[in-house]
Amino acid sequence: MLSYIIRKLLTLIPVMLGVYTLVFVVMQVLPGDAALIRAGPGATPEVVENIRRQLGLDKPIPVQYVNYLKDAVRLDFGRSIRTNQPVVDDVKSRYLTTVQLTLVATIIFLAVGLPLGVIAAVKRNTIWDGIAILVSLIGISMPGFWLGLLLIWYFAVRLGWLPAFGFSSPKHVILPAITLASYGIAYTARYTRSSMLEELMQDYVTTARAKGLRERIVLLRHALRNALIPTVTQAALGFGFMLGGAVVVEVVFTVNGVGRLIVDAILYRDFPVVQGGVLLLALNFVLVNLLADIACAYLDPRVRLQ
């Protein structure tokens, strides 16, 4: 198990290097001059050139790439062009909000998607199966920003039950968390249904039923337990995707998280904040998937052997 974990940790290095390279290239091709933005519209060419030297932008692109990589390894992403604060401090102040929102959304999509998928598999070709498939299609096809606006209109504007904007109380979490979890609910329900149907057709399920075990025990202790192994990986992927999807939800519901910070930084051409925020979300994504791989290896020893 230890050697398996070490091998998985080593695979994170090329993944994060690839993400870093992609972010660096995108920031280089985007229009806008970071030195000119920091200096202000009325700055003289001498002041702009001095700032460019301070930021290291006067050096060749390969040198900038290596220097920024060294700083990123030390979690030093420079200072924000807009606030002149360290990027780590700006991201840190918003990170907890995004994680809280994503965790609540994860709990929602697991609590709804898993039972929905199990019911659809057990009640195959019935009205319950049709309802589950319909919910899945709606959740997958409806854009998050549109669902968020619909929820705001109905529950906040028309009924007045929940607040529409902000993130200062448990009530403020409900609508953005449901919006963020909608795709996860649909995907988890379909994935669980498919996995359960596959397990229900296995020989060990037939043997368990032939032994006279109650259907509830066959479903929960045998079929569902094996069906949950690939679902663990899917849930981890869902958490990672929701960290990225939180960008849209945070803008719609005016939540001061990392996603909204990145959007504001893009609008203001605050390149260091964009780079730091994207790399942080990417690191979270790969770490969550690492934990999912470890969990699958623990649940199914065949994964470690492969």
C-alpha atoms as a PDB file:
ATOM      1  CA  MET A   1       0.000   0.000   0.000  1.00  0.00           C
ATOM      2  CA  LEU A   2       2.854   2.378   0.846  1.00  0.00           C
ATOM      3  CA  SER A   3       4.573   1.793  -2.494  1.00  0.00           C
ATOM      4  CA  TYR A   4       1.236   2.375  -4.250  1.00  0.00           C
ATOM      5  CA  ILE A   5       0.817   5.735  -2.470  1.00  0.00           C
ATOM      6  CA  ILE A   6       4.403   6.751  -3.328  1.00  0.00           C
ATOM      7  CA  ARG A   7       3.843   5.940  -7.015  1.00  0.00           C
ATOM      8  CA  LYS A   8       0.658   8.011  -6.999  1.00  0.00           C
ATOM      9  CA  LEU A   9       2.443  10.941  -5.335  1.00  0.00           C
ATOM     10  CA  LEU A  10       5.146  10.861  -8.006  1.00  0.00           C
ATOM     11  CA  THR A  11       2.516  11.120 -10.745  1.00  0.00           C
ATOM     12  CA  LEU A  12       1.399  14.460  -9.270  1.00  0.00           C
ATOM     13  CA  ILE A  13       4.668  16.112 -10.299  1.00  0.00           C
ATOM     14  CA  PRO A  14       4.180  15.990 -14.110  1.00  0.00           C
ATOM     15  CA  VAL A  15       0.472  16.822 -13.721  1.00  0.00           C
ATOM     16  CA  MET A  16       1.124  19.991 -11.721  1.00  0.00           C
ATOM     17  CA  LEU A  17       4.011  20.913 -14.030  1.00  0.00           C
ATOM     18  CA  GLY A  18       1.688  20.615 -17.013  1.00  0.00           C
ATOM     19  CA  VAL A  19      -0.961  22.758 -15.312  1.00  0.00           C
ATOM     20  CA  TYR A  20       1.630  25.360 -14.387  1.00  0.00           C
ATOM     21  CA  THR A  21       2.963  25.451 -17.963  1.00  0.00           C
ATOM     22  CA  LEU A  22      -0.525  25.824 -19.430  1.00  0.00           C
ATOM     23  CA  VAL A  23      -1.429  28.656 -17.040  1.00  0.00           C
ATOM     24  CA  PHE A  24       1.880  30.431 -17.740  1.00  0.00           C
ATOM     25  CA  VAL A  25       1.388  30.208 -21.516  1.00  0.00           C
ATOM     26  CA  VAL A  26      -2.203  31.465 -21.327  1.00  0.00           C
ATOM     27  CA  MET A  27      -1.148  34.418 -19.182  1.00  0.00           C
ATOM     28  CA  GLN A  28       1.557  35.285 -21.713  1.00  0.00           C
ATOM     29  CA  VAL A  29      -0.784  35.341 -24.715  1.00  0.00           C
ATOM     30  CA  LEU A  30      -3.584  37.287 -23.011  1.00  0.00           C
ATOM     31  CA  PRO A  31      -3.693  40.991 -23.955  1.00  0.00           C
ATOM     32  CA  GLY A  32      -2.584  43.549 -21.387  1.00  0.00           C
ATOM     33  CA  ASP A  33       0.653  44.720 -19.776  1.00  0.00           C
ATOM     34  CA  ALA A  34       0.972  43.926 -16.064  1.00  0.00           C
ATOM     35  CA  ALA A  35       3.559  46.668 -15.548  1.00  0.00           C
ATOM     36  CA  LEU A  36       1.364  49.278 -17.251  1.00  0.00           C
ATOM     37  CA  ILE A  37      -1.672  48.216 -15.203  1.00  0.00           C
ATOM     38  CA  ARG A  38       0.235  48.505 -11.908  1.00  0.00           C
ATOM     39  CA  ALA A  39       1.775  51.849 -12.872  1.00  0.00           C
ATOM     40  CA  GLY A  40      -1.574  53.384 -13.789  1.00  0.00           C
ATOM     41  CA  PRO A  41      -2.775  55.222 -16.891  1.00  0.00           C
ATOM     42  CA  GLY A  42      -0.786  58.402 -16.212  1.00  0.00           C
ATOM     43  CA  ALA A  43       2.588  56.787 -15.595  1.00  0.00           C
ATOM     44  CA  THR A  44       5.641  57.786 -17.603  1.00  0.00           C
ATOM     45  CA  PRO A  45       7.512  55.209 -19.726  1.00  0.00           C
ATOM     46  CA  GLU A  46      10.399  55.321 -17.227  1.00  0.00           C
ATOM     47  CA  VAL A  47       8.106  54.343 -14.343  1.00  0.00           C
ATOM     48  CA  VAL A  48       6.543  51.550 -16.393  1.00  0.00           C
ATOM     49  CA  GLU A  49       9.961  50.225 -17.354  1.00  0.00           C
ATOM     50  CA  ASN A  50      11.110  50.325 -13.729  1.00  0.00           C
ATOM     51  CA  ILE A  51       8.051  48.309 -12.628  1.00  0.00           C
ATOM     52  CA  ARG A  52       8.616  45.877 -15.470  1.00  0.00           C
ATOM     53  CA  ARG A  53      12.156  45.335 -14.154  1.00  0.00           C
ATOM     54  CA  GLN A  54      10.854  44.820 -10.600  1.00  0.00           C
ATOM     55  CA  LEU A  55       8.350  42.215 -11.783  1.00  0.00           C
ATOM     56  CA  GLY A  56      10.978  40.464 -13.916  1.00  0.00           C
ATOM     57  CA  LEU A  57       8.983  41.068 -17.099  1.00  0.00           C
ATOM     58  CA  ASP A  58      12.014  42.481 -18.904  1.00  0.00           C
ATOM     59  CA  LYS A  59      13.674  39.068 -18.960  1.00  0.00           C
ATOM     60  CA  PRO A  60      13.216  36.450 -21.727  1.00  0.00           C
ATOM     61  CA  ILE A  61      10.138  34.233 -21.521  1.00  0.00           C
ATOM     62  CA  PRO A  62      12.096  31.043 -20.632  1.00  0.00           C
ATOM     63  CA  VAL A  63      13.811  32.858 -17.760  1.00  0.00           C
ATOM     64  CA  GLN A  64      10.454  34.157 -16.500  1.00  0.00           C
ATOM     65  CA  TYR A  65       9.082  30.604 -16.696  1.00  0.00           C
ATOM     66  CA  VAL A  66      11.905  29.147 -14.588  1.00  0.00           C
ATOM     67  CA  ASN A  67      11.847  31.988 -12.056  1.00  0.00           C
ATOM     68  CA  TYR A  68       8.108  31.772 -11.583  1.00  0.00           C
ATOM     69  CA  LEU A  69       8.335  27.988 -11.249  1.00  0.00           C
ATOM     70  CA  LYS A  70      10.901  28.354  -8.459  1.00  0.00           C
ATOM     71  CA  ASP A  71       8.655  30.821  -6.653  1.00  0.00           C
ATOM     72  CA  ALA A  72       5.565  28.633  -7.158  1.00  0.00           C
ATOM     73  CA  VAL A  73       7.315  25.660  -5.547  1.00  0.00           C
ATOM     74  CA  ARG A  74       7.803  27.871  -2.472  1.00  0.00           C
ATOM     75  CA  LEU A  75       4.134  28.989  -2.730  1.00  0.00           C
ATOM     76  CA  ASP A  76       5.299  32.504  -3.541  1.00  0.00           C
ATOM     77  CA  PHE A  77       3.075  33.816  -6.350  1.00  0.00           C
ATOM     78  CA  GLY A  78       4.136  37.440  -6.036  1.00  0.00           C
ATOM     79  CA  ARG A  79       1.867  40.385  -5.229  1.00  0.00           C
ATOM     80  CA  SER A  80      -1.495  41.341  -6.598  1.00  0.00           C
ATOM     81  CA  ILE A  81      -1.325  44.086  -9.212  1.00  0.00           C
ATOM     82  CA  ARG A  82      -4.606  45.538  -7.982  1.00  0.00           C
ATOM     83  CA  THR A  83      -4.168  45.406  -4.163  1.00  0.00           C
ATOM     84  CA  ASN A  84      -0.370  45.047  -3.877  1.00  0.00           C
ATOM     85  CA  GLN A  85      -1.002  42.317  -1.291  1.00  0.00           C
ATOM     86  CA  PRO A  86       0.702  38.903  -1.461  1.00  0.00           C
ATOM     87  CA  VAL A  87      -1.311  36.612  -3.719  1.00  0.00           C
ATOM     88  CA  VAL A  88      -1.211  33.871  -1.072  1.00  0.00           C
ATOM     89  CA  ASP A  89      -2.971  36.184   1.413  1.00  0.00           C
ATOM     90  CA  ASP A  90      -5.652  37.175  -1.109  1.00  0.00           C
ATOM     91  CA  VAL A  91      -6.355  33.558  -2.057  1.00  0.00           C
ATOM     92  CA  LYS A  92      -6.191  32.327   1.547  1.00  0.00           C
ATOM     93  CA  SER A  93      -8.894  34.761   2.638  1.00  0.00           C
ATOM     94  CA  ARG A  94     -11.281  33.381  -0.029  1.00  0.00           C
ATOM     95  CA  TYR A  95     -10.260  29.726  -0.026  1.00  0.00           C
ATOM     96  CA  LEU A  96     -12.230  28.627   3.038  1.00  0.00           C
ATOM     97  CA  THR A  97     -15.467  30.011   1.575  1.00  0.00           C
ATOM     98  CA  THR A  98     -15.038  28.020  -1.645  1.00  0.00           C
ATOM     99  CA  VAL A  99     -14.195  24.827   0.238  1.00  0.00           C
ATOM    100  CA  GLN A 100     -17.231  25.224   2.517  1.00  0.00           C
ATOM    101  CA  LEU A 101     -19.520  25.729  -0.465  1.00  0.00           C
ATOM    102  CA  THR A 102     -18.039  22.756  -2.308  1.00  0.00           C
ATOM    103  CA  LEU A 103     -18.256  20.450   0.725  1.00  0.00           C
ATOM    104  CA  VAL A 104     -21.933  21.269   1.264  1.00  0.00           C
ATOM    105  CA  ALA A 105     -22.604  20.701  -2.446  1.00  0.00           C
ATOM    106  CA  THR A 106     -20.751  17.366  -2.270  1.00  0.00           C
ATOM    107  CA  ILE A 107     -22.879  16.219   0.669  1.00  0.00           C
ATOM    108  CA  ILE A 108     -26.020  17.203  -1.248  1.00  0.00           C
ATOM    109  CA  PHE A 109     -25.150  15.415  -4.487  1.00  0.00           C
ATOM    110  CA  LEU A 110     -24.087  12.253  -2.640  1.00  0.00           C
ATOM    111  CA  ALA A 111     -27.172  12.262  -0.390  1.00  0.00           C
ATOM    112  CA  VAL A 112     -29.485  12.683  -3.390  1.00  0.00           C
ATOM    113  CA  GLY A 113     -27.601  11.085  -6.282  1.00  0.00           C
ATOM    114  CA  LEU A 114     -26.670   7.779  -4.636  1.00  0.00           C
ATOM    115  CA  PRO A 115     -30.185   6.803  -3.454  1.00  0.00           C
ATOM    116  CA  LEU A 116     -31.641   7.998  -6.746  1.00  0.00           C
ATOM    117  CA  GLY A 117     -29.265   5.778  -8.713  1.00  0.00           C
ATOM    118  CA  VAL A 118     -29.882   2.767  -6.484  1.00  0.00           C
ATOM    119  CA  ILE A 119     -33.652   3.153  -6.734  1.00  0.00           C
ATOM    120  CA  ALA A 120     -33.431   3.515 -10.523  1.00  0.00           C
ATOM    121  CA  ALA A 121     -31.402   0.285 -10.759  1.00  0.00           C
ATOM    122  CA  VAL A 122     -33.593  -1.722  -8.396  1.00  0.00           C
ATOM    123  CA  LYS A 123     -36.814  -0.393  -9.984  1.00  0.00           C
ATOM    124  CA  ARG A 124     -35.523  -0.720 -13.523  1.00  0.00           C
ATOM    125  CA  ASN A 125     -37.994   0.092 -16.326  1.00  0.00           C
ATOM    126  CA  THR A 126     -40.537   1.495 -13.865  1.00  0.00           C
ATOM    127  CA  ILE A 127     -41.768   5.027 -13.292  1.00  0.00           C
ATOM    128  CA  TRP A 128     -39.077   5.499 -10.634  1.00  0.00           C
ATOM    129  CA  ASP A 129     -36.407   4.652 -13.168  1.00  0.00           C
ATOM    130  CA  GLY A 130     -37.947   7.135 -15.594  1.00  0.00           C
ATOM    131  CA  ILE A 131     -38.002   9.894 -12.955  1.00  0.00           C
ATOM    132  CA  ALA A 132     -34.351   9.263 -12.123  1.00  0.00           C
ATOM    133  CA  ILE A 133     -33.345   9.403 -15.786  1.00  0.00           C
ATOM    134  CA  LEU A 134     -35.369  12.611 -16.301  1.00  0.00           C
ATOM    135  CA  VAL A 135     -33.745  14.272 -13.270  1.00  0.00           C
ATOM    136  CA  SER A 136     -30.326  13.227 -14.573  1.00  0.00           C
ATOM    137  CA  LEU A 137     -30.969  14.655 -18.032  1.00  0.00           C
ATOM    138  CA  ILE A 138     -32.184  17.962 -16.592  1.00  0.00           C
ATOM    139  CA  GLY A 139     -29.228  18.223 -14.220  1.00  0.00           C
ATOM    140  CA  ILE A 140     -26.660  17.491 -16.916  1.00  0.00           C
ATOM    141  CA  SER A 141     -28.158  19.718 -19.614  1.00  0.00           C
ATOM    142  CA  MET A 142     -29.097  22.813 -17.581  1.00  0.00           C
ATOM    143  CA  PRO A 143     -26.284  25.404 -17.229  1.00  0.00           C
ATOM    144  CA  GLY A 144     -25.373  26.254 -13.655  1.00  0.00           C
ATOM    145  CA  PHE A 145     -25.808  30.005 -14.036  1.00  0.00           C
ATOM    146  CA  TRP A 146     -29.329  29.540 -15.464  1.00  0.00           C
ATOM    147  CA  LEU A 147     -30.376  27.182 -12.671  1.00  0.00           C
ATOM    148  CA  GLY A 148     -28.998  29.652 -10.137  1.00  0.00           C
ATOM    149  CA  LEU A 149     -31.040  32.494 -11.608  1.00  0.00           C
ATOM    150  CA  LEU A 150     -34.183  30.333 -11.581  1.00  0.00           C
ATOM    151  CA  LEU A 151     -33.635  29.425  -7.922  1.00  0.00           C
ATOM    152  CA  ILE A 152     -33.093  33.079  -7.027  1.00  0.00           C
ATOM    153  CA  TRP A 153     -36.259  34.114  -8.852  1.00  0.00           C
ATOM    154  CA  TYR A 154     -38.463  31.458  -7.244  1.00  0.00           C
ATOM    155  CA  PHE A 155     -37.154  30.968  -3.703  1.00  0.00           C
ATOM    156  CA  ALA A 156     -35.724  34.439  -3.036  1.00  0.00           C
ATOM    157  CA  VAL A 157     -37.815  36.851  -5.111  1.00  0.00           C
ATOM    158  CA  ARG A 158     -41.190  35.143  -5.419  1.00  0.00           C
ATOM    159  CA  LEU A 159     -41.437  33.179  -2.162  1.00  0.00           C
ATOM    160  CA  GLY A 160     -38.944  35.146  -0.075  1.00  0.00           C
ATOM    161  CA  TRP A 161     -37.814  32.034   1.773  1.00  0.00           C
ATOM    162  CA  LEU A 162     -34.066  32.281   1.166  1.00  0.00           C
ATOM    163  CA  PRO A 163     -31.562  35.109   0.605  1.00  0.00           C
ATOM    164  CA  ALA A 164     -30.340  35.579  -2.945  1.00  0.00           C
ATOM    165  CA  PHE A 165     -26.832  36.918  -2.422  1.00  0.00           C
ATOM    166  CA  GLY A 166     -23.963  36.689   0.047  1.00  0.00           C
ATOM    167  CA  PHE A 167     -22.535  33.928   2.201  1.00  0.00           C
ATOM    168  CA  SER A 168     -22.939  35.111   5.793  1.00  0.00           C
ATOM    169  CA  SER A 169     -25.364  32.530   7.267  1.00  0.00           C
ATOM    170  CA  PRO A 170     -26.462  28.900   6.744  1.00  0.00           C
ATOM    171  CA  LYS A 171     -29.463  30.123   4.740  1.00  0.00           C
ATOM    172  CA  HIS A 172     -27.125  31.825   2.274  1.00  0.00           C
ATOM    173  CA  VAL A 173     -25.440  28.465   1.540  1.00  0.00           C
ATOM    174  CA  ILE A 174     -28.561  26.601   0.419  1.00  0.00           C
ATOM    175  CA  LEU A 175     -29.205  28.051  -3.042  1.00  0.00           C
ATOM    176  CA  PRO A 176     -25.584  28.191  -4.268  1.00  0.00           C
ATOM    177  CA  ALA A 177     -24.903  24.703  -2.885  1.00  0.00           C
ATOM    178  CA  ILE A 178     -27.941  23.242  -4.665  1.00  0.00           C
ATOM    179  CA  THR A 179     -26.923  24.984  -7.888  1.00  0.00           C
ATOM    180  CA  LEU A 180     -23.391  23.680  -7.612  1.00  0.00           C
ATOM    181  CA  ALA A 181     -24.573  20.149  -6.745  1.00  0.00           C
ATOM    182  CA  SER A 182     -27.090  19.844  -9.593  1.00  0.00           C
ATOM    183  CA  TYR A 183     -24.632  18.394 -12.111  1.00  0.00           C
ATOM    184  CA  GLY A 184     -23.156  16.079  -9.468  1.00  0.00           C
ATOM    185  CA  ILE A 185     -26.612  14.752  -8.559  1.00  0.00           C
ATOM    186  CA  ALA A 186     -27.358  13.926 -12.194  1.00  0.00           C
ATOM    187  CA  TYR A 187     -23.991  12.364 -12.906  1.00  0.00           C
ATOM    188  CA  THR A 188     -23.895  10.364  -9.656  1.00  0.00           C
ATOM    189  CA  ALA A 189     -27.413   9.033 -10.201  1.00  0.00           C
ATOM    190  CA  ARG A 190     -26.609   7.809 -13.715  1.00  0.00           C
ATOM    191  CA  TYR A 191     -23.234   6.404 -12.703  1.00  0.00           C
ATOM    192  CA  THR A 192     -24.642   4.604  -9.651  1.00  0.00           C
ATOM    193  CA  ARG A 193     -27.525   3.184 -11.686  1.00  0.00           C
ATOM    194  CA  SER A 194     -25.162   1.805 -14.312  1.00  0.00           C
ATOM    195  CA  SER A 195     -22.783   0.381 -11.714  1.00  0.00           C
ATOM    196  CA  MET A 196     -25.610  -1.214  -9.701  1.00  0.00           C
ATOM    197  CA  LEU A 197     -27.152  -2.816 -12.793  1.00  0.00           C
ATOM    198  CA  GLU A 198     -23.797  -4.320 -13.662  1.00  0.00           C
ATOM    199  CA  GLU A 199     -23.345  -5.732 -10.154  1.00  0.00           C
ATOM    200  CA  LEU A 200     -26.887  -7.106  -9.982  1.00  0.00           C
ATOM    201  CA  MET A 201     -26.126  -9.279 -13.001  1.00  0.00           C
ATOM    202  CA  GLN A 202     -23.028 -10.838 -11.395  1.00  0.00           C
ATOM    203  CA  ASP A 203     -22.959 -14.477 -10.292  1.00  0.00           C
ATOM    204  CA  TYR A 204     -22.331 -13.682  -6.610  1.00  0.00           C
ATOM    205  CA  VAL A 205     -25.673 -11.823  -6.452  1.00  0.00           C
ATOM    206  CA  THR A 206     -27.461 -14.826  -7.929  1.00  0.00           C
ATOM    207  CA  THR A 207     -25.695 -17.079  -5.415  1.00  0.00           C
ATOM    208  CA  ALA A 208     -26.663 -14.830  -2.503  1.00  0.00           C
ATOM    209  CA  ARG A 209     -30.287 -14.896  -3.565  1.00  0.00           C
ATOM    210  CA  ALA A 210     -30.171 -18.670  -4.038  1.00  0.00           C
ATOM    211  CA  LYS A 211     -28.963 -19.028  -0.438  1.00  0.00           C
ATOM    212  CA  GLY A 212     -32.162 -17.389   0.710  1.00  0.00           C
ATOM    213  CA  LEU A 213     -30.714 -14.060   1.840  1.00  0.00           C
ATOM    214  CA  ARG A 214     -33.180 -11.229   2.137  1.00  0.00           C
ATOM    215  CA  GLU A 215     -33.257  -8.877  -0.838  1.00  0.00           C
ATOM    216  CA  ARG A 216     -32.284  -5.935   1.354  1.00  0.00           C
ATOM    217  CA  ILE A 217     -29.106  -7.702   2.483  1.00  0.00           C
ATOM    218  CA  VAL A 218     -28.275  -8.714  -1.093  1.00  0.00           C
ATOM    219  CA  LEU A 219     -28.644  -5.159  -2.317  1.00  0.00           C
ATOM    220  CA  LEU A 220     -26.936  -3.277   0.512  1.00  0.00           C
ATOM    221  CA  ARG A 221     -24.209  -5.640   1.729  1.00  0.00           C
ATOM    222  CA  HIS A 222     -23.244  -7.208  -1.569  1.00  0.00           C
ATOM    223  CA  ALA A 223     -24.272  -5.325  -4.712  1.00  0.00           C
ATOM    224  CA  LEU A 224     -24.123  -1.765  -3.370  1.00  0.00           C
ATOM    225  CA  ARG A 225     -20.817  -2.284  -1.592  1.00  0.00           C
ATOM    226  CA  ASN A 226     -19.114  -3.328  -4.834  1.00  0.00           C
ATOM    227  CA  ALA A 227     -20.949  -0.696  -6.875  1.00  0.00           C
ATOM    228  CA  LEU A 228     -19.644   2.040  -4.581  1.00  0.00           C
ATOM    229  CA  ILE A 229     -15.985   1.339  -5.438  1.00  0.00           C
ATOM    230  CA  PRO A 230     -16.044   3.173  -8.801  1.00  0.00           C
ATOM    231  CA  THR A 231     -18.479   5.698  -7.329  1.00  0.00           C
ATOM    232  CA  VAL A 232     -15.774   6.830  -4.874  1.00  0.00           C
ATOM    233  CA  THR A 233     -13.615   7.932  -7.789  1.00  0.00           C
ATOM    234  CA  GLN A 234     -16.586   9.632  -9.426  1.00  0.00           C
ATOM    235  CA  ALA A 235     -17.386  11.499  -6.207  1.00  0.00           C
ATOM    236  CA  ALA A 236     -13.807  12.737  -5.969  1.00  0.00           C
ATOM    237  CA  LEU A 237     -13.948  13.902  -9.574  1.00  0.00           C
ATOM    238  CA  GLY A 238     -17.230  15.634  -8.780  1.00  0.00           C
ATOM    239  CA  PHE A 239     -15.625  17.479  -5.875  1.00  0.00           C
ATOM    240  CA  GLY A 240     -12.770  18.607  -8.104  1.00  0.00           C
ATOM    241  CA  PHE A 241     -15.090  19.714 -10.898  1.00  0.00           C
ATOM    242  CA  MET A 242     -17.249  21.618  -8.422  1.00  0.00           C
ATOM    243  CA  LEU A 243     -14.201  23.515  -7.179  1.00  0.00           C
ATOM    244  CA  GLY A 244     -13.811  24.775 -10.740  1.00  0.00           C
ATOM    245  CA  GLY A 245     -17.559  25.157 -11.281  1.00  0.00           C
ATOM    246  CA  ALA A 246     -17.768  27.312  -8.171  1.00  0.00           C
ATOM    247  CA  VAL A 247     -16.426  30.149 -10.329  1.00  0.00           C
ATOM    248  CA  VAL A 248     -19.797  30.601 -12.043  1.00  0.00           C
ATOM    249  CA  VAL A 249     -21.888  29.979  -8.924  1.00  0.00           C
ATOM    250  CA  GLU A 250     -19.893  32.445  -6.836  1.00  0.00           C
ATOM    251  CA  VAL A 251     -20.390  35.153  -9.433  1.00  0.00           C
ATOM    252  CA  VAL A 252     -24.160  34.511  -9.692  1.00  0.00           C
ATOM    253  CA  PHE A 253     -24.710  34.502  -5.916  1.00  0.00           C
ATOM    254  CA  THR A 254     -22.035  37.134  -5.099  1.00  0.00           C
ATOM    255  CA  VAL A 255     -20.041  34.722  -2.946  1.00  0.00           C
ATOM    256  CA  ASN A 256     -16.563  35.977  -2.082  1.00  0.00           C
ATOM    257  CA  GLY A 257     -14.685  32.792  -2.895  1.00  0.00           C
ATOM    258  CA  VAL A 258     -11.659  31.884  -4.965  1.00  0.00           C
ATOM    259  CA  GLY A 259     -13.755  31.584  -8.120  1.00  0.00           C
ATOM    260  CA  ARG A 260     -15.041  35.125  -7.917  1.00  0.00           C
ATOM    261  CA  LEU A 261     -11.538  36.309  -7.033  1.00  0.00           C
ATOM    262  CA  ILE A 262     -10.199  34.741 -10.239  1.00  0.00           C
ATOM    263  CA  VAL A 263     -12.979  36.289 -12.356  1.00  0.00           C
ATOM    264  CA  ASP A 264     -12.311  39.751 -10.891  1.00  0.00           C
ATOM    265  CA  ALA A 265      -8.582  39.256 -11.419  1.00  0.00           C
ATOM    266  CA  ILE A 266      -9.148  38.372 -15.092  1.00  0.00           C
ATOM    267  CA  LEU A 267     -11.240  41.511 -15.600  1.00  0.00           C
ATOM    268  CA  TYR A 268      -8.516  43.669 -14.036  1.00  0.00           C
ATOM    269  CA  ARG A 269      -5.678  41.771 -15.764  1.00  0.00           C
ATOM    270  CA  ASP A 270      -4.297  40.824 -12.332  1.00  0.00           C
ATOM    271  CA  PHE A 271      -2.125  38.018 -13.691  1.00  0.00           C
ATOM    272  CA  PRO A 272      -0.415  36.897 -10.442  1.00  0.00           C
ATOM    273  CA  VAL A 273      -3.786  36.347  -8.738  1.00  0.00           C
ATOM    274  CA  VAL A 274      -5.118  34.404 -11.728  1.00  0.00           C
ATOM    275  CA  GLN A 275      -2.070  32.164 -11.775  1.00  0.00           C
ATOM    276  CA  GLY A 276      -2.102  31.579  -8.023  1.00  0.00           C
ATOM    277  CA  GLY A 277      -5.847  30.889  -7.886  1.00  0.00           C
ATOM    278  CA  VAL A 278      -5.872  28.478 -10.828  1.00  0.00           C
ATOM    279  CA  LEU A 279      -2.844  26.573  -9.526  1.00  0.00           C
ATOM    280  CA  LEU A 280      -4.469  26.264  -6.092  1.00  0.00           C
ATOM    281  CA  LEU A 281      -7.680  24.830  -7.595  1.00  0.00           C
ATOM    282  CA  ALA A 282      -5.645  22.448  -9.756  1.00  0.00           C
ATOM    283  CA  LEU A 283      -3.651  21.282  -6.731  1.00  0.00           C
ATOM    284  CA  ASN A 284      -6.872  20.628  -4.828  1.00  0.00           C
ATOM    285  CA  PHE A 285      -8.228  18.643  -7.784  1.00  0.00           C
ATOM    286  CA  VAL A 286      -5.230  16.323  -8.055  1.00  0.00           C
ATOM    287  CA  LEU A 287      -4.992  15.839  -4.263  1.00  0.00           C
ATOM    288  CA  VAL A 288      -8.655  14.870  -4.014  1.00  0.00           C
ATOM    289  CA  ASN A 289      -8.207  12.393  -6.846  1.00  0.00           C
ATOM    290  CA  LEU A 290      -5.146  11.008  -5.082  1.00  0.00           C
ATOM    291  CA  LEU A 291      -7.226  10.415  -1.951  1.00  0.00           C
ATOM    292  CA  ALA A 292      -9.888   8.741  -4.104  1.00  0.00           C
ATOM    293  CA  ASP A 293      -7.298   6.409  -5.658  1.00  0.00           C
ATOM    294  CA  ILE A 294      -6.008   5.500  -2.202  1.00  0.00           C
ATOM    295  CA  ALA A 295      -9.552   4.862  -0.980  1.00  0.00           C
ATOM    296  CA  CYS A 296     -10.280   2.602  -3.984  1.00  0.00           C
ATOM    297  CA  ALA A 297      -7.035   0.702  -3.386  1.00  0.00           C
ATOM    298  CA  TYR A 298      -8.021   0.220   0.237  1.00  0.00           C
ATOM    299  CA  LEU A 299     -11.509  -0.993  -0.651  1.00  0.00           C
ATOM    300  CA  ASP A 300     -10.370  -3.220  -3.511  1.00  0.00           C
ATOM    301  CA  PRO A 301      -6.889  -4.810  -3.196  1.00  0.00           C
ATOM    302  CA  ARG A 302      -7.000  -5.694  -6.914  1.00  0.00           C
ATOM    303  CA  VAL A 303      -6.342  -2.041  -7.687  1.00  0.00           C
ATOM    304  CA  ARG A 304      -3.007  -2.169  -5.859  1.00  0.00           C
ATOM    305  CA  LEU A 305      -2.026  -5.374  -7.642  1.00  0.00           C
ATOM    306  CA  GLN A 306      -2.798  -3.875 -11.048  1.00  0.00           C
END
